[in-house]
Amino acid sequence: MADGPRGPEAQPRRSRWWAEGFVFLLLAVLIWPFIAIGAVAGWGFLVWMYYLFTGPPGPV
């Protein structure tokens, strides 16, 4: 059989495109929002613990 534009190389390229799209959506929609929320929550917890040990900011 002749290897043309629809030859044996066409299917792996299409499946790879779908796999990359799925991984992108997984990262963009599920994983990175949780990482961002976790980073903000972690920073807030760190500041809260710092103020718990050192007292509130401002003049005493």
Protein backbone atom coordinates (compact mmCIF):
# COMPACT_ATOMS: atom_id res chain seq x y z
CA MET A 1 0.00 0.00 0.00
CA ALA A 2 1.16 3.51 -0.71
CA ASP A 3 1.97 5.81 2.16
CA GLY A 4 0.07 9.00 1.45
CA PRO A 5 -1.39 11.70 3.70
CA ARG A 6 -3.70 9.07 5.17
CA GLY A 7 -1.00 6.42 5.51
CA PRO A 8 0.19 4.74 8.68
CA GLU A 9 1.45 8.02 10.13
CA ALA A 10 -1.96 9.78 10.16
CA GLN A 11 -3.55 7.82 13.00
CA PRO A 12 -0.76 8.22 15.59
CA ARG A 13 -0.61 11.95 14.87
CA ARG A 14 -4.36 12.33 15.45
CA SER A 15 -4.36 10.22 18.64
CA ARG A 16 -1.36 12.15 19.92
CA TRP A 17 -3.24 15.41 19.27
CA TRP A 18 -6.22 14.18 21.28
CA ALA A 19 -3.95 12.95 24.08
CA GLU A 20 -2.17 16.31 24.26
CA GLY A 21 -5.52 18.12 24.28
CA PHE A 22 -6.78 15.90 27.08
CA VAL A 23 -3.65 16.48 29.15
CA PHE A 24 -3.91 20.24 28.57
CA LEU A 25 -7.56 20.29 29.69
CA LEU A 26 -6.72 18.14 32.70
CA LEU A 27 -3.97 20.55 33.73
CA ALA A 28 -5.86 23.76 32.91
CA VAL A 29 -9.23 22.81 34.38
CA LEU A 30 -8.46 20.47 37.26
CA ILE A 31 -4.88 20.50 38.46
CA TRP A 32 -3.69 24.14 38.21
CA PRO A 33 -6.74 25.66 39.94
CA PHE A 34 -6.21 23.33 42.90
CA ILE A 35 -2.51 24.21 42.99
CA ALA A 36 -3.33 27.94 42.90
CA ILE A 37 -5.94 27.63 45.66
CA GLY A 38 -3.53 25.53 47.70
CA ALA A 39 -0.75 28.10 47.31
CA VAL A 40 -2.99 30.98 48.41
CA ALA A 41 -4.38 28.96 51.30
CA GLY A 42 -0.87 27.92 52.33
CA TRP A 43 0.30 31.54 52.32
CA GLY A 44 -2.72 32.58 54.38
CA PHE A 45 -2.04 29.81 56.88
CA LEU A 46 1.61 30.86 57.11
CA VAL A 47 0.66 34.48 57.80
CA TRP A 48 -1.97 33.38 60.33
CA MET A 49 0.58 31.26 62.23
CA TYR A 50 3.12 34.10 62.11
CA TYR A 51 0.61 36.51 63.63
CA LEU A 52 -0.37 33.90 66.21
CA PHE A 53 3.22 33.83 67.52
CA THR A 54 4.26 37.47 66.98
CA GLY A 55 1.02 39.36 67.57
CA PRO A 56 -0.92 41.57 65.19
CA PRO A 57 0.89 44.19 63.12
CA GLY A 58 0.82 47.86 64.08
CA PRO A 59 1.71 49.93 67.13
CA VAL A 60 1.35 48.24 70.48
